[in-house]
Protein backbone atom coordinates (compact mmCIF):
# COMPACT_ATOMS: atom_id res chain seq x y z
CA UNK A 1 -74.18 93.65 90.32
CA UNK A 2 -77.55 93.72 92.07
CA UNK A 3 -78.38 90.76 94.26
CA UNK A 4 -81.39 89.83 92.12
CA UNK A 5 -80.08 90.82 88.70
CA UNK A 6 -81.19 88.29 86.09
CA UNK A 7 -79.95 87.13 82.70
CA UNK A 8 -82.20 87.16 79.58
CA UNK A 9 -83.67 83.78 80.63
CA UNK A 10 -84.74 85.03 84.05
CA UNK A 11 -82.01 83.23 86.01
CA UNK A 12 -80.71 85.12 89.04
CA UNK A 13 -77.00 85.76 88.41
CA UNK A 14 -76.07 85.68 92.09
CA UNK A 15 -77.53 82.17 92.39
CA UNK A 16 -76.00 81.07 89.09
CA UNK A 17 -72.56 82.29 90.24
CA UNK A 18 -72.74 80.18 93.39
CA UNK A 19 -74.03 77.13 91.51
CA UNK A 20 -71.02 77.31 89.16
CA UNK A 21 -68.64 77.76 92.11
CA UNK A 22 -70.07 74.78 93.99
CA UNK A 23 -70.44 72.46 91.00
CA UNK A 24 -66.98 73.45 89.79
CA UNK A 25 -65.41 72.64 93.15
CA UNK A 26 -67.20 69.29 93.27
CA UNK A 27 -66.15 68.26 89.75
CA UNK A 28 -62.59 69.64 89.51
CA UNK A 29 -60.87 66.39 90.53
CA UNK A 30 -62.67 64.55 87.74
CA UNK A 31 -60.41 66.38 85.31
CA UNK A 32 -57.35 67.00 87.47
CA UNK A 33 -57.07 64.25 90.04
CA UNK A 34 -58.94 61.05 89.30
CA UNK A 35 -58.17 61.67 85.64
CA UNK A 36 -56.05 64.21 83.73
CA UNK A 37 -57.33 66.72 81.19
CA UNK A 38 -54.80 67.69 78.52
CA UNK A 39 -55.74 71.06 77.00
CA UNK A 40 -54.50 72.62 73.78
CA UNK A 41 -55.39 76.01 72.30
CA UNK A 42 -56.98 77.69 75.32
CA UNK A 43 -55.16 80.94 74.53
CA UNK A 44 -57.73 81.41 71.73
CA UNK A 45 -60.47 81.93 74.32
CA UNK A 46 -58.93 85.17 75.59
CA UNK A 47 -59.12 86.70 72.11
CA UNK A 48 -62.86 86.10 71.62
CA UNK A 49 -65.60 88.74 71.91
CA UNK A 50 -67.90 88.64 74.94
CA UNK A 51 -70.92 87.48 72.95
CA UNK A 52 -72.10 85.87 69.70
CA UNK A 53 -69.57 83.05 69.92
CA UNK A 54 -70.73 79.51 69.07
CA UNK A 55 -68.59 76.59 70.21
CA UNK A 56 -69.17 73.37 68.25
CA UNK A 57 -67.85 70.07 69.54
CA UNK A 58 -68.10 66.32 69.23
CA UNK A 59 -69.97 64.73 72.11
CA UNK A 60 -69.07 61.79 74.37
CA UNK A 61 -71.16 62.10 77.56
CA UNK A 62 -74.29 64.03 78.52
CA UNK A 63 -72.73 66.28 81.16
CA UNK A 64 -68.98 65.73 81.69
CA UNK A 65 -68.03 67.28 78.34
CA UNK A 66 -69.73 70.61 79.01
CA UNK A 67 -68.61 70.71 82.67
CA UNK A 68 -65.00 70.33 81.50
CA UNK A 69 -65.53 73.20 79.05
CA UNK A 70 -66.83 75.44 81.84
CA UNK A 71 -63.62 74.70 83.75
CA UNK A 72 -61.35 75.34 80.77
CA UNK A 73 -63.14 78.50 79.65
CA UNK A 74 -63.05 80.13 83.08
CA UNK A 75 -59.49 79.02 83.80
CA UNK A 76 -58.30 80.53 80.52
CA UNK A 77 -60.15 83.80 81.06
CA UNK A 78 -58.48 83.99 84.49
CA UNK A 79 -55.02 83.85 82.92
CA UNK A 80 -54.22 80.14 82.90
CA UNK A 81 -52.94 78.68 79.64
CA UNK A 82 -53.87 75.09 78.84
CA UNK A 83 -54.36 74.40 82.53
CA UNK A 84 -57.12 74.17 85.15
CA UNK A 85 -54.67 74.17 88.06
CA UNK A 86 -55.86 76.00 91.19
CA UNK A 87 -59.65 76.39 91.18
CA UNK A 88 -59.51 80.03 92.20
CA UNK A 89 -60.81 80.83 88.70
CA UNK A 90 -64.22 79.65 89.89
CA UNK A 91 -64.63 82.62 92.21
CA UNK A 92 -65.44 85.01 89.37
CA UNK A 93 -66.82 82.79 86.56
CA UNK A 94 -68.11 84.01 83.22
CA UNK A 95 -71.88 84.00 83.73
CA UNK A 96 -72.99 84.30 80.10
CA UNK A 97 -71.88 80.82 79.00
CA UNK A 98 -74.74 78.60 77.80
CA UNK A 99 -74.98 75.07 76.40
CA UNK A 100 -77.59 73.49 74.18
CA UNK A 101 -79.16 70.33 75.61
CA UNK A 102 -82.21 68.17 75.07
CA UNK A 103 -85.13 69.23 77.27
CA UNK A 104 -85.89 65.56 77.93
CA UNK A 105 -82.38 65.09 79.37
CA UNK A 106 -82.37 68.27 81.47
CA UNK A 107 -85.69 67.36 83.11
CA UNK A 108 -84.66 63.79 83.99
CA UNK A 109 -83.67 64.44 87.61
CA UNK A 110 -82.59 66.91 90.27
CA UNK A 111 -78.95 67.20 89.14
CA UNK A 112 -79.84 67.89 85.48
CA UNK A 113 -82.29 70.58 86.65
CA UNK A 114 -79.53 72.22 88.70
CA UNK A 115 -77.17 72.06 85.72
CA UNK A 116 -79.92 73.58 83.58
CA UNK A 117 -80.05 76.62 85.84
CA UNK A 118 -76.27 76.98 85.51
CA UNK A 119 -76.60 77.56 81.76
CA UNK A 120 -78.70 75.14 79.74
CA UNK A 121 -80.70 76.13 76.68
CA UNK A 122 -83.13 73.24 76.73
CA UNK A 123 -84.60 72.37 73.35
CA UNK A 124 -86.91 69.65 72.10
CA UNK A 125 -85.16 67.10 69.91
CA UNK A 126 -86.88 66.73 66.56
CA UNK A 127 -85.32 63.38 65.69
CA UNK A 128 -85.52 61.34 68.90
CA UNK A 129 -87.85 61.15 71.90
CA UNK A 130 -87.86 58.67 74.81
CA UNK A 131 -85.43 56.41 72.98
CA UNK A 132 -87.50 56.28 69.80
CA UNK A 133 -86.82 57.79 66.39
CA UNK A 134 -89.25 60.59 65.58
CA UNK A 135 -89.62 63.30 62.95
CA UNK A 136 -90.95 66.45 64.54
CA UNK A 137 -91.00 70.02 63.32
CA UNK A 138 -88.41 72.38 64.77
CA UNK A 139 -89.91 74.70 67.38
CA UNK A 140 -89.18 78.32 66.53
CA UNK A 141 -89.09 79.11 70.25
CA UNK A 142 -86.03 76.84 70.54
CA UNK A 143 -84.31 78.65 67.68
CA UNK A 144 -85.15 81.99 69.30
CA UNK A 145 -83.74 80.82 72.64
CA UNK A 146 -80.39 79.97 71.07
CA UNK A 147 -80.34 83.32 69.27
CA UNK A 148 -81.08 85.07 72.56
CA UNK A 149 -78.22 83.23 74.26
CA UNK A 150 -75.79 84.13 71.46
CA UNK A 151 -76.80 87.77 71.73
CA UNK A 152 -75.99 87.63 75.45
CA UNK A 153 -72.80 85.53 75.42
CA UNK A 154 -71.13 82.24 74.46
CA UNK A 155 -73.04 79.11 73.45
CA UNK A 156 -71.76 75.53 73.41
CA UNK A 157 -73.48 73.08 71.09
CA UNK A 158 -72.94 69.49 70.05
CA UNK A 159 -74.19 69.52 66.45
CA UNK A 160 -74.38 65.74 66.07
CA UNK A 161 -77.07 65.67 68.76
CA UNK A 162 -75.79 62.36 70.15
CA UNK A 163 -72.88 60.93 72.12
CA UNK A 164 -72.32 58.29 69.42
CA UNK A 165 -69.30 59.05 67.19
CA UNK A 166 -69.44 59.55 63.41
CA UNK A 167 -73.09 60.55 63.31
CA UNK A 168 -74.08 63.29 60.83
CA UNK A 169 -74.19 66.97 61.74
CA UNK A 170 -77.72 68.28 62.24
CA UNK A 171 -78.65 70.95 59.69
CA UNK A 172 -80.21 73.01 62.46
CA UNK A 173 -76.75 74.09 63.57
CA UNK A 174 -76.00 75.43 60.09
CA UNK A 175 -79.31 77.29 60.20
CA UNK A 176 -78.34 78.90 63.54
CA UNK A 177 -75.01 79.95 62.03
CA UNK A 178 -76.60 81.45 58.92
CA UNK A 179 -79.18 83.29 61.01
CA UNK A 180 -76.96 84.72 63.77
CA UNK A 181 -73.55 84.94 62.06
CA UNK A 182 -71.59 83.99 65.18
CA UNK A 183 -67.89 83.41 65.48
CA UNK A 184 -67.72 79.59 65.27
CA UNK A 185 -65.02 77.93 67.39
CA UNK A 186 -64.50 74.16 67.00
CA UNK A 187 -63.55 71.94 69.94
CA UNK A 188 -62.41 68.31 69.73
CA UNK A 189 -62.62 66.20 72.89
CA UNK A 190 -61.44 62.70 73.63
CA UNK A 191 -61.17 60.31 76.57
CA UNK A 192 -64.46 61.23 78.24
CA UNK A 193 -66.22 58.10 77.01
CA UNK A 194 -63.66 55.92 78.77
CA UNK A 195 -63.62 58.03 81.93
CA UNK A 196 -67.34 58.30 82.61
CA UNK A 197 -70.64 56.55 82.13
CA UNK A 198 -72.91 57.75 79.33
CA UNK A 199 -74.44 60.50 81.47
CA UNK A 200 -71.00 61.74 82.50
CA UNK A 201 -71.86 61.55 86.20
CA UNK A 202 -70.39 58.27 87.41
CA UNK A 203 -66.62 57.77 87.11
CA UNK A 204 -66.22 54.54 85.13
CA UNK A 205 -62.44 54.35 85.09
CA UNK A 206 -59.66 56.36 86.72
CA UNK A 207 -56.22 57.31 85.42
CA UNK A 208 -57.55 58.20 81.97
CA UNK A 209 -55.96 60.92 79.88
CA UNK A 210 -58.73 63.16 78.57
CA UNK A 211 -58.04 65.78 75.93
CA UNK A 212 -59.62 69.01 74.72
CA UNK A 213 -58.37 70.86 71.64
CA UNK A 214 -59.71 74.35 71.01
CA UNK A 215 -59.23 75.36 67.38
CA UNK A 216 -59.13 78.72 65.63
CA UNK A 217 -62.51 80.14 64.54
CA UNK A 218 -63.85 78.79 61.26
CA UNK A 219 -63.81 80.84 58.09
CA UNK A 220 -67.49 80.97 57.12
CA UNK A 221 -69.09 83.08 54.42
CA UNK A 222 -72.46 83.65 56.07
CA UNK A 223 -74.05 85.02 52.92
CA UNK A 224 -72.73 82.66 50.25
CA UNK A 225 -71.90 79.36 51.96
CA UNK A 226 -74.73 76.86 51.59
CA UNK A 227 -76.11 74.83 54.47
CA UNK A 228 -74.32 71.79 53.08
CA UNK A 229 -71.00 73.63 52.91
CA UNK A 230 -71.33 74.81 56.50
CA UNK A 231 -72.21 71.29 57.65
CA UNK A 232 -69.16 69.91 55.89
CA UNK A 233 -66.90 72.54 57.49
CA UNK A 234 -68.26 71.57 60.89
CA UNK A 235 -67.70 67.87 60.23
CA UNK A 236 -64.07 68.44 59.34
CA UNK A 237 -63.51 70.92 62.19
CA UNK A 238 -64.70 68.57 64.94
CA UNK A 239 -63.09 65.58 63.18
CA UNK A 240 -66.33 63.75 62.54
CA UNK A 241 -66.32 63.82 58.74
CA UNK A 242 -66.71 60.32 57.19
CA UNK A 243 -63.26 60.66 55.63
CA UNK A 244 -61.69 60.39 59.11
CA UNK A 245 -62.91 56.80 59.27
CA UNK A 246 -60.50 55.91 56.49
CA UNK A 247 -57.43 56.95 58.46
CA UNK A 248 -58.37 55.62 61.91
CA UNK A 249 -57.76 51.89 62.58
CA UNK A 250 -60.95 49.92 62.96
CA UNK A 251 -60.21 48.97 66.54
CA UNK A 252 -60.00 52.65 67.49
CA UNK A 253 -63.17 53.90 65.83
CA UNK A 254 -65.42 53.36 68.85
CA UNK A 255 -62.85 54.65 71.32
CA UNK A 256 -60.27 56.79 69.58
CA UNK A 257 -58.96 57.99 72.90
CA UNK A 258 -57.11 54.67 73.39
CA UNK A 259 -54.29 56.19 71.36
CA UNK A 260 -53.63 58.64 74.20
CA UNK A 261 -52.71 55.92 76.67
CA UNK A 262 -49.11 55.84 75.51
CA UNK A 263 -48.61 59.59 75.88
CA UNK A 264 -46.92 61.07 78.91
CA UNK A 265 -49.44 62.55 81.33
CA UNK A 266 -49.24 66.15 82.46
CA UNK A 267 -50.24 66.79 86.07
């Protein structure tokens, strides 16, 4: 690899590699040390193609969720199963992993800008801006950027567009799926809201059991499934369909991860 080789977004891969190594080393103890990350299904990652894979997940913090996924993805590809033990996997990280994030968030400080270089596809939110509800037209350049990232590698997206649970799936994700026909892999996370502040930077509480479940790719008929059908499949897959509210006790709706506290931790 040439020293100044760039990805399709113009980022220098040599620099991106070192950013992932350094950020990974700095954040590893947040998921295996101060807190514990329980992983299930990571063997699926080793069976996926190198590109056109879309990961869809529920969302609990701005940054900790996606940082944990970078750890899990690279650990699995390095031969670890359901484990991020021994950070040697960071030496040769997968460089074509991207995540969709709000441009407003990724431009809010030095750390977000560094994280953006590590793999962000920054888009303009069409439904919220500076804390206010808005209704803006989708920018086709944002759609094209996500398509470009899928053509190059793996993309992580949080289709609810918010860290609040039980919010509806944005139809834009279904549009991306219909347009690009990616392999769609659902991920369900828990415990991050209790571990970190909303941004996912400050550790709010230690000794929390976090969890990440990676599910088998969804069965989607790209030609015949409607947008509504795809949205519903996503809601069920990431366990954010309204029907889940009927089976979860009211006191656990805001923080479902409380149920993990009685489980035995795996270090």
